[in-house]
């Protein structure tokens, strides 16, 4: 019974040491009698007990590695506290097992030294502006060295750059001054544009007013000219009608009567204005005045009725 129990235990141990189940995204390194033999891929695998053993187990997943914070000195002798994170992946399990005693420590140390070297070539302001260049430089240096370790460095990211407190205060003061300068420039540009807009508006308004005044004067002059022409046309038409009426039978008698009425009205108005009644010495003066007016009226009429020869004689 005891022998059977011992044999059962030995069989269980033999089975356990023979059958290996490798998880997905993992690689196990097998040694035979202390020497590298093969790498087990995911799935059910067989190992010869007591002759072969799984010496190393590696994860093939991407691994984030926190790089410890360190002090770096820039080209202009300014200290920077730099904190970063590294992403790597095991690509060759055999080299990862035998290429370095501890590839994680090797990568971390190399990342720190490379970072100090890259930042030492830059000035303080450039370190904040060119993080991508710093990251790419660190990845390039690490990837070249990590090939012998069976590891591929995927990327490096700077998490934080912290300058000393006095430098940080000076940088803040510089930023504040720059913003105040921009604010003053923006305000002056605004005032300048405001003055330009006001001047432009006043100029356009003055031009519009002058154009309006010019058009108004043109319209007034045209209206006055039209009124003068209309009055002249009406006066000429009235004169033509009066001349035509005089040529009709009884026209001269009507003119005589009208002239007599105007003379009487003139005497009457003269008396009202001066508060003095002016009366002719005898009525013959009134008749003489009327006769003189009629003579003046007849001369144009007779001149128009004479023949061309008579007009030439009168001219002589």
C-alpha atoms as a PDB file:
ATOM      1  CA  UNK A   1       0.000   0.000   0.000  1.00  0.00           C
ATOM      2  CA  UNK A   2       2.795   2.402   0.879  1.00  0.00           C
ATOM      3  CA  UNK A   3       4.640   1.552  -2.321  1.00  0.00           C
ATOM      4  CA  UNK A   4       1.550   2.333  -4.376  1.00  0.00           C
ATOM      5  CA  UNK A   5       1.138   5.623  -2.608  1.00  0.00           C
ATOM      6  CA  UNK A   6       4.751   6.515  -3.288  1.00  0.00           C
ATOM      7  CA  UNK A   7       4.390   5.578  -6.935  1.00  0.00           C
ATOM      8  CA  UNK A   8       1.241   7.730  -7.172  1.00  0.00           C
ATOM      9  CA  UNK A   9       3.026  10.728  -5.720  1.00  0.00           C
ATOM     10  CA  UNK A  10       5.926  10.218  -8.112  1.00  0.00           C
ATOM     11  CA  UNK A  11       3.494   9.996 -11.053  1.00  0.00           C
ATOM     12  CA  UNK A  12       1.747  13.208 -10.026  1.00  0.00           C
ATOM     13  CA  UNK A  13       5.061  15.006  -9.690  1.00  0.00           C
ATOM     14  CA  UNK A  14       6.158  13.631 -13.035  1.00  0.00           C
ATOM     15  CA  UNK A  15       2.948  14.825 -14.722  1.00  0.00           C
ATOM     16  CA  UNK A  16       3.140  18.252 -13.126  1.00  0.00           C
ATOM     17  CA  UNK A  17       6.745  18.709 -14.201  1.00  0.00           C
ATOM     18  CA  UNK A  18       6.082  17.333 -17.672  1.00  0.00           C
ATOM     19  CA  UNK A  19       3.003  19.267 -18.831  1.00  0.00           C
ATOM     20  CA  UNK A  20       3.229  23.069 -18.943  1.00  0.00           C
ATOM     21  CA  UNK A  21       0.470  25.489 -19.976  1.00  0.00           C
ATOM     22  CA  UNK A  22       1.928  28.754 -21.271  1.00  0.00           C
ATOM     23  CA  UNK A  23      -0.529  31.707 -21.095  1.00  0.00           C
ATOM     24  CA  UNK A  24      -1.224  33.977 -24.066  1.00  0.00           C
ATOM     25  CA  UNK A  25       1.312  36.797 -24.637  1.00  0.00           C
ATOM     26  CA  UNK A  26       3.913  34.961 -22.599  1.00  0.00           C
ATOM     27  CA  UNK A  27       7.154  33.163 -23.454  1.00  0.00           C
ATOM     28  CA  UNK A  28       8.968  30.671 -21.245  1.00  0.00           C
ATOM     29  CA  UNK A  29      12.651  29.856 -21.649  1.00  0.00           C
ATOM     30  CA  UNK A  30      13.559  26.154 -21.150  1.00  0.00           C
ATOM     31  CA  UNK A  31      17.029  25.004 -20.129  1.00  0.00           C
ATOM     32  CA  UNK A  32      18.243  21.440 -20.577  1.00  0.00           C
ATOM     33  CA  UNK A  33      20.890  20.494 -18.099  1.00  0.00           C
ATOM     34  CA  UNK A  34      21.617  24.162 -17.428  1.00  0.00           C
ATOM     35  CA  UNK A  35      21.864  25.173 -21.099  1.00  0.00           C
ATOM     36  CA  UNK A  36      19.357  27.129 -23.172  1.00  0.00           C
ATOM     37  CA  UNK A  37      17.284  24.705 -25.230  1.00  0.00           C
ATOM     38  CA  UNK A  38      14.122  26.383 -26.532  1.00  0.00           C
ATOM     39  CA  UNK A  39      11.403  28.956 -25.916  1.00  0.00           C
ATOM     40  CA  UNK A  40       7.872  27.789 -25.151  1.00  0.00           C
ATOM     41  CA  UNK A  41       5.047  29.628 -26.923  1.00  0.00           C
ATOM     42  CA  UNK A  42       1.465  29.906 -25.576  1.00  0.00           C
ATOM     43  CA  UNK A  43      -0.418  26.612 -25.229  1.00  0.00           C
ATOM     44  CA  UNK A  44       0.137  23.116 -23.759  1.00  0.00           C
ATOM     45  CA  UNK A  45       3.815  22.182 -23.817  1.00  0.00           C
ATOM     46  CA  UNK A  46       5.936  19.210 -22.655  1.00  0.00           C
ATOM     47  CA  UNK A  47       9.131  19.352 -20.588  1.00  0.00           C
ATOM     48  CA  UNK A  48      11.306  16.391 -19.671  1.00  0.00           C
ATOM     49  CA  UNK A  49      11.274  16.188 -15.869  1.00  0.00           C
ATOM     50  CA  UNK A  50      14.536  16.468 -13.979  1.00  0.00           C
ATOM     51  CA  UNK A  51      16.347  17.108 -17.273  1.00  0.00           C
ATOM     52  CA  UNK A  52      14.667  20.276 -18.473  1.00  0.00           C
ATOM     53  CA  UNK A  53      13.315  23.168 -16.500  1.00  0.00           C
ATOM     54  CA  UNK A  54      11.590  26.499 -17.138  1.00  0.00           C
ATOM     55  CA  UNK A  55      14.332  28.961 -16.248  1.00  0.00           C
ATOM     56  CA  UNK A  56      12.703  32.303 -17.214  1.00  0.00           C
ATOM     57  CA  UNK A  57       9.176  33.524 -17.795  1.00  0.00           C
ATOM     58  CA  UNK A  58       8.634  36.704 -19.843  1.00  0.00           C
ATOM     59  CA  UNK A  59       5.534  38.726 -20.621  1.00  0.00           C
ATOM     60  CA  UNK A  60       5.357  39.919 -24.223  1.00  0.00           C
ATOM     61  CA  UNK A  61       2.958  42.738 -23.392  1.00  0.00           C
ATOM     62  CA  UNK A  62       3.900  46.406 -23.496  1.00  0.00           C
ATOM     63  CA  UNK A  63       5.184  47.364 -20.068  1.00  0.00           C
ATOM     64  CA  UNK A  64       5.187  50.917 -18.604  1.00  0.00           C
ATOM     65  CA  UNK A  65       8.262  51.652 -16.520  1.00  0.00           C
ATOM     66  CA  UNK A  66       8.451  54.675 -14.256  1.00  0.00           C
ATOM     67  CA  UNK A  67      11.856  56.329 -14.538  1.00  0.00           C
ATOM     68  CA  UNK A  68      12.850  57.844 -11.188  1.00  0.00           C
ATOM     69  CA  UNK A  69      12.965  61.628 -10.963  1.00  0.00           C
ATOM     70  CA  UNK A  70      16.410  63.164 -11.353  1.00  0.00           C
ATOM     71  CA  UNK A  71      18.122  66.547 -11.511  1.00  0.00           C
ATOM     72  CA  UNK A  72      19.441  67.609 -14.939  1.00  0.00           C
ATOM     73  CA  UNK A  73      21.563  70.657 -15.731  1.00  0.00           C
ATOM     74  CA  UNK A  74      20.803  72.610 -18.891  1.00  0.00           C
ATOM     75  CA  UNK A  75      23.277  74.294 -21.203  1.00  0.00           C
ATOM     76  CA  UNK A  76      22.790  77.635 -19.406  1.00  0.00           C
ATOM     77  CA  UNK A  77      23.568  75.996 -16.015  1.00  0.00           C
ATOM     78  CA  UNK A  78      20.017  75.748 -14.745  1.00  0.00           C
ATOM     79  CA  UNK A  79      18.871  72.771 -12.703  1.00  0.00           C
ATOM     80  CA  UNK A  80      15.729  70.910 -13.748  1.00  0.00           C
ATOM     81  CA  UNK A  81      13.874  68.213 -11.877  1.00  0.00           C
ATOM     82  CA  UNK A  82      12.823  65.745 -14.603  1.00  0.00           C
ATOM     83  CA  UNK A  83      10.340  62.918 -14.189  1.00  0.00           C
ATOM     84  CA  UNK A  84       9.509  60.506 -17.017  1.00  0.00           C
ATOM     85  CA  UNK A  85       7.934  57.198 -17.962  1.00  0.00           C
ATOM     86  CA  UNK A  86       9.229  54.558 -20.363  1.00  0.00           C
ATOM     87  CA  UNK A  87       7.304  51.984 -22.427  1.00  0.00           C
ATOM     88  CA  UNK A  88       9.079  48.821 -23.567  1.00  0.00           C
ATOM     89  CA  UNK A  89       8.303  45.302 -24.800  1.00  0.00           C
ATOM     90  CA  UNK A  90      10.215  42.032 -24.759  1.00  0.00           C
ATOM     91  CA  UNK A  91      10.810  40.927 -28.333  1.00  0.00           C
ATOM     92  CA  UNK A  92      13.446  38.212 -27.875  1.00  0.00           C
ATOM     93  CA  UNK A  93      12.923  36.085 -24.710  1.00  0.00           C
ATOM     94  CA  UNK A  94      16.291  34.323 -25.077  1.00  0.00           C
ATOM     95  CA  UNK A  95      18.265  37.613 -25.157  1.00  0.00           C
ATOM     96  CA  UNK A  96      16.089  39.071 -22.415  1.00  0.00           C
ATOM     97  CA  UNK A  97      17.099  36.064 -20.283  1.00  0.00           C
ATOM     98  CA  UNK A  98      20.819  35.981 -21.010  1.00  0.00           C
ATOM     99  CA  UNK A  99      21.685  39.382 -22.481  1.00  0.00           C
ATOM    100  CA  UNK A 100      21.493  41.237 -19.161  1.00  0.00           C
ATOM    101  CA  UNK A 101      21.200  40.209 -15.573  1.00  0.00           C
ATOM    102  CA  UNK A 102      18.363  42.717 -15.119  1.00  0.00           C
ATOM    103  CA  UNK A 103      17.220  44.484 -18.279  1.00  0.00           C
ATOM    104  CA  UNK A 104      14.694  46.643 -16.373  1.00  0.00           C
ATOM    105  CA  UNK A 105      17.435  48.226 -14.261  1.00  0.00           C
ATOM    106  CA  UNK A 106      19.638  48.566 -17.336  1.00  0.00           C
ATOM    107  CA  UNK A 107      16.911  50.365 -19.274  1.00  0.00           C
ATOM    108  CA  UNK A 108      16.136  52.653 -16.345  1.00  0.00           C
ATOM    109  CA  UNK A 109      19.752  53.649 -15.821  1.00  0.00           C
ATOM    110  CA  UNK A 110      20.354  54.180 -19.531  1.00  0.00           C
ATOM    111  CA  UNK A 111      17.217  56.326 -19.789  1.00  0.00           C
ATOM    112  CA  UNK A 112      18.445  58.565 -16.968  1.00  0.00           C
ATOM    113  CA  UNK A 113      21.935  59.026 -18.376  1.00  0.00           C
ATOM    114  CA  UNK A 114      20.631  59.647 -21.905  1.00  0.00           C
ATOM    115  CA  UNK A 115      18.124  62.196 -20.594  1.00  0.00           C
ATOM    116  CA  UNK A 116      20.832  64.098 -18.725  1.00  0.00           C
ATOM    117  CA  UNK A 117      22.969  64.147 -21.867  1.00  0.00           C
ATOM    118  CA  UNK A 118      20.150  65.426 -24.104  1.00  0.00           C
ATOM    119  CA  UNK A 119      19.015  68.148 -21.692  1.00  0.00           C
ATOM    120  CA  UNK A 120      22.616  69.250 -21.118  1.00  0.00           C
ATOM    121  CA  UNK A 121      22.769  70.292 -24.778  1.00  0.00           C
ATOM    122  CA  UNK A 122      19.702  72.550 -24.546  1.00  0.00           C
ATOM    123  CA  UNK A 123      18.938  75.868 -22.915  1.00  0.00           C
ATOM    124  CA  UNK A 124      16.184  76.167 -20.334  1.00  0.00           C
ATOM    125  CA  UNK A 125      13.550  77.635 -22.652  1.00  0.00           C
ATOM    126  CA  UNK A 126      14.197  74.964 -25.297  1.00  0.00           C
ATOM    127  CA  UNK A 127      13.547  72.138 -22.846  1.00  0.00           C
ATOM    128  CA  UNK A 128       9.937  73.281 -22.476  1.00  0.00           C
ATOM    129  CA  UNK A 129       9.445  73.862 -26.189  1.00  0.00           C
ATOM    130  CA  UNK A 130      11.140  70.726 -27.562  1.00  0.00           C
ATOM    131  CA  UNK A 131       9.856  67.873 -25.437  1.00  0.00           C
ATOM    132  CA  UNK A 132       9.196  65.791 -28.532  1.00  0.00           C
ATOM    133  CA  UNK A 133      12.850  66.086 -29.552  1.00  0.00           C
ATOM    134  CA  UNK A 134      13.976  65.025 -26.063  1.00  0.00           C
ATOM    135  CA  UNK A 135      11.635  62.028 -26.096  1.00  0.00           C
ATOM    136  CA  UNK A 136      12.758  60.951 -29.558  1.00  0.00           C
ATOM    137  CA  UNK A 137      16.446  61.246 -28.610  1.00  0.00           C
ATOM    138  CA  UNK A 138      16.002  59.088 -25.508  1.00  0.00           C
ATOM    139  CA  UNK A 139      14.034  56.432 -27.420  1.00  0.00           C
ATOM    140  CA  UNK A 140      16.644  56.312 -30.194  1.00  0.00           C
ATOM    141  CA  UNK A 141      19.535  55.816 -27.749  1.00  0.00           C
ATOM    142  CA  UNK A 142      17.686  53.216 -25.670  1.00  0.00           C
ATOM    143  CA  UNK A 143      16.395  51.264 -28.643  1.00  0.00           C
ATOM    144  CA  UNK A 144      19.879  50.856 -30.057  1.00  0.00           C
ATOM    145  CA  UNK A 145      21.320  49.595 -26.775  1.00  0.00           C
ATOM    146  CA  UNK A 146      18.328  47.426 -25.850  1.00  0.00           C
ATOM    147  CA  UNK A 147      18.644  45.252 -28.956  1.00  0.00           C
ATOM    148  CA  UNK A 148      21.248  43.134 -27.154  1.00  0.00           C
ATOM    149  CA  UNK A 149      18.859  42.738 -24.251  1.00  0.00           C
ATOM    150  CA  UNK A 150      15.966  41.407 -26.358  1.00  0.00           C
ATOM    151  CA  UNK A 151      13.890  44.470 -25.512  1.00  0.00           C
ATOM    152  CA  UNK A 152      12.421  47.137 -27.757  1.00  0.00           C
ATOM    153  CA  UNK A 153      11.831  50.609 -26.321  1.00  0.00           C
ATOM    154  CA  UNK A 154       8.581  51.909 -27.799  1.00  0.00           C
ATOM    155  CA  UNK A 155       8.444  55.449 -26.438  1.00  0.00           C
ATOM    156  CA  UNK A 156       9.530  57.752 -23.651  1.00  0.00           C
ATOM    157  CA  UNK A 157       7.448  60.574 -22.226  1.00  0.00           C
ATOM    158  CA  UNK A 158       8.489  63.388 -19.893  1.00  0.00           C
ATOM    159  CA  UNK A 159       5.864  63.682 -17.194  1.00  0.00           C
ATOM    160  CA  UNK A 160       7.143  66.794 -15.505  1.00  0.00           C
ATOM    161  CA  UNK A 161       9.853  69.447 -15.790  1.00  0.00           C
ATOM    162  CA  UNK A 162      10.273  71.443 -12.589  1.00  0.00           C
ATOM    163  CA  UNK A 163      12.813  74.294 -12.420  1.00  0.00           C
ATOM    164  CA  UNK A 164      13.959  75.747  -9.068  1.00  0.00           C
ATOM    165  CA  UNK A 165      11.625  78.134  -7.257  1.00  0.00           C
ATOM    166  CA  UNK A 166      13.573  81.352  -8.141  1.00  0.00           C
ATOM    167  CA  UNK A 167      13.691  80.374 -11.818  1.00  0.00           C
ATOM    168  CA  UNK A 168      10.003  79.517 -11.743  1.00  0.00           C
ATOM    169  CA  UNK A 169       9.205  82.892 -10.159  1.00  0.00           C
ATOM    170  CA  UNK A 170      11.309  84.710 -12.774  1.00  0.00           C
ATOM    171  CA  UNK A 171       9.577  82.824 -15.569  1.00  0.00           C
ATOM    172  CA  UNK A 172       6.196  83.745 -14.127  1.00  0.00           C
ATOM    173  CA  UNK A 173       7.223  87.400 -13.925  1.00  0.00           C
ATOM    174  CA  UNK A 174       8.417  87.257 -17.541  1.00  0.00           C
ATOM    175  CA  UNK A 175       5.120  85.753 -18.665  1.00  0.00           C
ATOM    176  CA  UNK A 176       3.190  88.412 -16.728  1.00  0.00           C
ATOM    177  CA  UNK A 177       5.253  91.209 -18.300  1.00  0.00           C
ATOM    178  CA  UNK A 178       4.779  89.739 -21.763  1.00  0.00           C
ATOM    179  CA  UNK A 179       1.025  89.552 -21.281  1.00  0.00           C
ATOM    180  CA  UNK A 180       0.898  93.122 -19.980  1.00  0.00           C
ATOM    181  CA  UNK A 181       2.911  94.217 -23.016  1.00  0.00           C
ATOM    182  CA  UNK A 182       0.465  92.460 -25.331  1.00  0.00           C
ATOM    183  CA  UNK A 183      -2.448  94.064 -23.498  1.00  0.00           C
ATOM    184  CA  UNK A 184      -0.924  97.542 -23.877  1.00  0.00           C
ATOM    185  CA  UNK A 185      -0.216  96.941 -27.554  1.00  0.00           C
ATOM    186  CA  UNK A 186      -3.745  95.683 -28.104  1.00  0.00           C
ATOM    187  CA  UNK A 187      -5.189  98.724 -26.293  1.00  0.00           C
ATOM    188  CA  UNK A 188      -3.058 101.150 -28.325  1.00  0.00           C
ATOM    189  CA  UNK A 189      -4.024  99.405 -31.536  1.00  0.00           C
ATOM    190  CA  UNK A 190      -7.643  99.685 -30.494  1.00  0.00           C
ATOM    191  CA  UNK A 191      -7.325 103.412 -29.813  1.00  0.00           C
ATOM    192  CA  UNK A 192      -5.494 103.887 -33.116  1.00  0.00           C
ATOM    193  CA  UNK A 193      -8.190 102.049 -35.008  1.00  0.00           C
ATOM    194  CA  UNK A 194     -10.831 104.041 -33.156  1.00  0.00           C
ATOM    195  CA  UNK A 195      -9.222 107.339 -34.209  1.00  0.00           C
ATOM    196  CA  UNK A 196      -8.930 106.090 -37.788  1.00  0.00           C
ATOM    197  CA  UNK A 197     -12.592 105.075 -37.801  1.00  0.00           C
ATOM    198  CA  UNK A 198     -13.682 108.429 -36.350  1.00  0.00           C
ATOM    199  CA  UNK A 199     -11.586 110.384 -38.871  1.00  0.00           C
ATOM    200  CA  UNK A 200     -12.869 108.261 -41.729  1.00  0.00           C
ATOM    201  CA  UNK A 201     -16.448 108.721 -40.571  1.00  0.00           C
ATOM    202  CA  UNK A 202     -16.052 112.490 -40.236  1.00  0.00           C
ATOM    203  CA  UNK A 203     -14.459 112.701 -43.687  1.00  0.00           C
ATOM    204  CA  UNK A 204     -17.231 110.661 -45.264  1.00  0.00           C
ATOM    205  CA  UNK A 205     -19.869 112.702 -43.409  1.00  0.00           C
ATOM    206  CA  UNK A 206     -18.262 115.992 -44.553  1.00  0.00           C
ATOM    207  CA  UNK A 207     -18.155 114.722 -48.140  1.00  0.00           C
ATOM    208  CA  UNK A 208     -21.775 113.631 -47.908  1.00  0.00           C
ATOM    209  CA  UNK A 209     -22.825 117.011 -46.466  1.00  0.00           C
ATOM    210  CA  UNK A 210     -20.902 118.932 -49.135  1.00  0.00           C
ATOM    211  CA  UNK A 211     -22.411 116.769 -51.853  1.00  0.00           C
ATOM    212  CA  UNK A 212     -25.844 117.396 -50.386  1.00  0.00           C
ATOM    213  CA  UNK A 213     -25.264 121.155 -50.172  1.00  0.00           C
ATOM    214  CA  UNK A 214     -23.926 121.174 -53.720  1.00  0.00           C
ATOM    215  CA  UNK A 215     -26.957 119.297 -54.992  1.00  0.00           C
ATOM    216  CA  UNK A 216     -29.257 121.601 -53.014  1.00  0.00           C
ATOM    217  CA  UNK A 217     -27.622 124.699 -54.527  1.00  0.00           C
ATOM    218  CA  UNK A 218     -27.886 123.146 -57.991  1.00  0.00           C
ATOM    219  CA  UNK A 219     -31.531 122.364 -57.412  1.00  0.00           C
ATOM    220  CA  UNK A 220     -32.192 125.915 -56.082  1.00  0.00           C
ATOM    221  CA  UNK A 221     -30.403 127.505 -59.035  1.00  0.00           C
ATOM    222  CA  UNK A 222     -32.312 125.322 -61.466  1.00  0.00           C
ATOM    223  CA  UNK A 223     -35.558 126.228 -59.711  1.00  0.00           C
ATOM    224  CA  UNK A 224     -34.794 129.945 -59.806  1.00  0.00           C
ATOM    225  CA  UNK A 225     -33.782 129.735 -63.475  1.00  0.00           C
ATOM    226  CA  UNK A 226     -36.976 127.868 -64.271  1.00  0.00           C
ATOM    227  CA  UNK A 227     -38.995 130.493 -62.346  1.00  0.00           C
ATOM    228  CA  UNK A 228     -37.279 133.367 -64.201  1.00  0.00           C
ATOM    229  CA  UNK A 229     -37.929 131.670 -67.525  1.00  0.00           C
ATOM    230  CA  UNK A 230     -41.538 131.049 -66.561  1.00  0.00           C
ATOM    231  CA  UNK A 231     -42.034 134.693 -65.462  1.00  0.00           C
ATOM    232  CA  UNK A 232     -40.341 135.962 -68.620  1.00  0.00           C
ATOM    233  CA  UNK A 233     -42.514 133.696 -70.770  1.00  0.00           C
ATOM    234  CA  UNK A 234     -45.634 134.862 -68.931  1.00  0.00           C
ATOM    235  CA  UNK A 235     -44.635 138.542 -69.231  1.00  0.00           C
ATOM    236  CA  UNK A 236     -43.870 138.172 -72.916  1.00  0.00           C
ATOM    237  CA  UNK A 237     -47.156 136.400 -73.494  1.00  0.00           C
ATOM    238  CA  UNK A 238     -49.013 139.128 -71.593  1.00  0.00           C
ATOM    239  CA  UNK A 239     -47.279 141.840 -73.645  1.00  0.00           C
ATOM    240  CA  UNK A 240     -48.162 140.034 -76.867  1.00  0.00           C
ATOM    241  CA  UNK A 241     -51.773 139.758 -75.773  1.00  0.00           C
ATOM    242  CA  UNK A 242     -51.896 143.466 -74.783  1.00  0.00           C
ATOM    243  CA  UNK A 243     -50.379 144.477 -78.128  1.00  0.00           C
ATOM    244  CA  UNK A 244     -52.896 142.317 -79.936  1.00  0.00           C
ATOM    245  CA  UNK A 245     -55.741 143.801 -77.916  1.00  0.00           C
ATOM    246  CA  UNK A 246     -54.607 147.364 -78.732  1.00  0.00           C
ATOM    247  CA  UNK A 247     -54.769 146.565 -82.448  1.00  0.00           C
ATOM    248  CA  UNK A 248     -58.409 145.605 -82.090  1.00  0.00           C
ATOM    249  CA  UNK A 249     -61.187 148.252 -82.575  1.00  0.00           C
ATOM    250  CA  UNK A 250     -61.605 150.330 -79.395  1.00  0.00           C
ATOM    251  CA  UNK A 251     -58.226 149.208 -78.062  1.00  0.00           C
ATOM    252  CA  UNK A 252     -56.725 152.682 -77.942  1.00  0.00           C
ATOM    253  CA  UNK A 253     -59.721 154.065 -76.031  1.00  0.00           C
ATOM    254  CA  UNK A 254     -59.349 151.259 -73.507  1.00  0.00           C
ATOM    255  CA  UNK A 255     -55.661 152.056 -73.054  1.00  0.00           C
ATOM    256  CA  UNK A 256     -56.451 155.742 -72.578  1.00  0.00           C
ATOM    257  CA  UNK A 257     -58.996 154.871 -69.930  1.00  0.00           C
ATOM    258  CA  UNK A 258     -56.532 152.583 -68.161  1.00  0.00           C
ATOM    259  CA  UNK A 259     -53.787 155.194 -68.200  1.00  0.00           C
ATOM    260  CA  UNK A 260     -56.159 157.793 -66.780  1.00  0.00           C
ATOM    261  CA  UNK A 261     -57.148 155.432 -63.975  1.00  0.00           C
ATOM    262  CA  UNK A 262     -53.493 154.740 -63.129  1.00  0.00           C
ATOM    263  CA  UNK A 263     -52.747 158.488 -63.029  1.00  0.00           C
ATOM    264  CA  UNK A 264     -55.643 159.179 -60.714  1.00  0.00           C
ATOM    265  CA  UNK A 265     -54.642 156.278 -58.460  1.00  0.00           C
ATOM    266  CA  UNK A 266     -51.075 157.555 -58.359  1.00  0.00           C
ATOM    267  CA  UNK A 267     -52.233 160.985 -57.193  1.00  0.00           C
ATOM    268  CA  UNK A 268     -54.454 159.386 -54.606  1.00  0.00           C
ATOM    269  CA  UNK A 269     -51.676 157.124 -53.229  1.00  0.00           C
ATOM    270  CA  UNK A 270     -49.257 160.024 -53.119  1.00  0.00           C
ATOM    271  CA  UNK A 271     -51.716 161.997 -51.065  1.00  0.00           C
ATOM    272  CA  UNK A 272     -52.235 159.106 -48.597  1.00  0.00           C
ATOM    273  CA  UNK A 273     -48.533 158.517 -48.071  1.00  0.00           C
ATOM    274  CA  UNK A 274     -47.649 162.132 -47.292  1.00  0.00           C
ATOM    275  CA  UNK A 275     -50.860 162.818 -45.350  1.00  0.00           C
ATOM    276  CA  UNK A 276     -51.246 165.764 -47.690  1.00  0.00           C
ATOM    277  CA  UNK A 277     -53.810 166.177 -50.425  1.00  0.00           C
ATOM    278  CA  UNK A 278     -52.125 167.250 -53.654  1.00  0.00           C
ATOM    279  CA  UNK A 279     -54.449 168.720 -56.225  1.00  0.00           C
ATOM    280  CA  UNK A 280     -53.358 169.995 -59.665  1.00  0.00           C
ATOM    281  CA  UNK A 281     -53.582 173.702 -60.287  1.00  0.00           C
ATOM    282  CA  UNK A 282     -56.235 173.096 -62.973  1.00  0.00           C
ATOM    283  CA  UNK A 283     -57.677 169.996 -64.569  1.00  0.00           C
ATOM    284  CA  UNK A 284     -55.888 170.754 -67.808  1.00  0.00           C
ATOM    285  CA  UNK A 285     -52.718 169.318 -66.253  1.00  0.00           C
ATOM    286  CA  UNK A 286     -54.419 165.958 -65.809  1.00  0.00           C
ATOM    287  CA  UNK A 287     -55.611 166.002 -69.389  1.00  0.00           C
ATOM    288  CA  UNK A 288     -52.107 166.942 -70.552  1.00  0.00           C
ATOM    289  CA  UNK A 289     -50.619 164.066 -68.548  1.00  0.00           C
ATOM    290  CA  UNK A 290     -53.070 161.651 -70.123  1.00  0.00           C
ATOM    291  CA  UNK A 291     -52.352 163.029 -73.561  1.00  0.00           C
ATOM    292  CA  UNK A 292     -48.611 162.585 -73.046  1.00  0.00           C
ATOM    293  CA  UNK A 293     -49.096 158.981 -71.994  1.00  0.00           C
ATOM    294  CA  UNK A 294     -51.289 158.286 -75.006  1.00  0.00           C
ATOM    295  CA  UNK A 295     -48.715 159.837 -77.303  1.00  0.00           C
ATOM    296  CA  UNK A 296     -46.122 157.473 -75.899  1.00  0.00           C
ATOM    297  CA  UNK A 297     -48.508 154.593 -76.477  1.00  0.00           C
ATOM    298  CA  UNK A 298     -49.189 155.619 -80.076  1.00  0.00           C
ATOM    299  CA  UNK A 299     -45.546 155.900 -81.139  1.00  0.00           C
ATOM    300  CA  UNK A 300     -44.808 152.170 -80.972  1.00  0.00           C
ATOM    301  CA  UNK A 301     -48.099 151.391 -82.689  1.00  0.00           C
ATOM    302  CA  UNK A 302     -47.514 153.875 -85.522  1.00  0.00           C
ATOM    303  CA  UNK A 303     -43.940 152.745 -85.929  1.00  0.00           C
ATOM    304  CA  UNK A 304     -45.123 149.169 -86.355  1.00  0.00           C
ATOM    305  CA  UNK A 305     -47.734 150.237 -88.952  1.00  0.00           C
ATOM    306  CA  UNK A 306     -45.387 152.299 -91.170  1.00  0.00           C
ATOM    307  CA  UNK A 307     -43.867 150.965 -94.283  1.00  0.00           C
ATOM    308  CA  UNK A 308     -40.187 150.030 -94.524  1.00  0.00           C
ATOM    309  CA  UNK A 309     -39.495 153.242 -96.388  1.00  0.00           C
ATOM    310  CA  UNK A 310     -41.188 155.391 -93.755  1.00  0.00           C
ATOM    311  CA  UNK A 311     -39.178 153.608 -91.050  1.00  0.00           C
ATOM    312  CA  UNK A 312     -35.959 154.472 -92.841  1.00  0.00           C
ATOM    313  CA  UNK A 313     -37.035 158.127 -93.105  1.00  0.00           C
ATOM    314  CA  UNK A 314     -37.809 158.317 -89.427  1.00  0.00           C
ATOM    315  CA  UNK A 315     -34.442 156.853 -88.679  1.00  0.00           C
ATOM    316  CA  UNK A 316     -32.816 159.605 -90.673  1.00  0.00           C
END
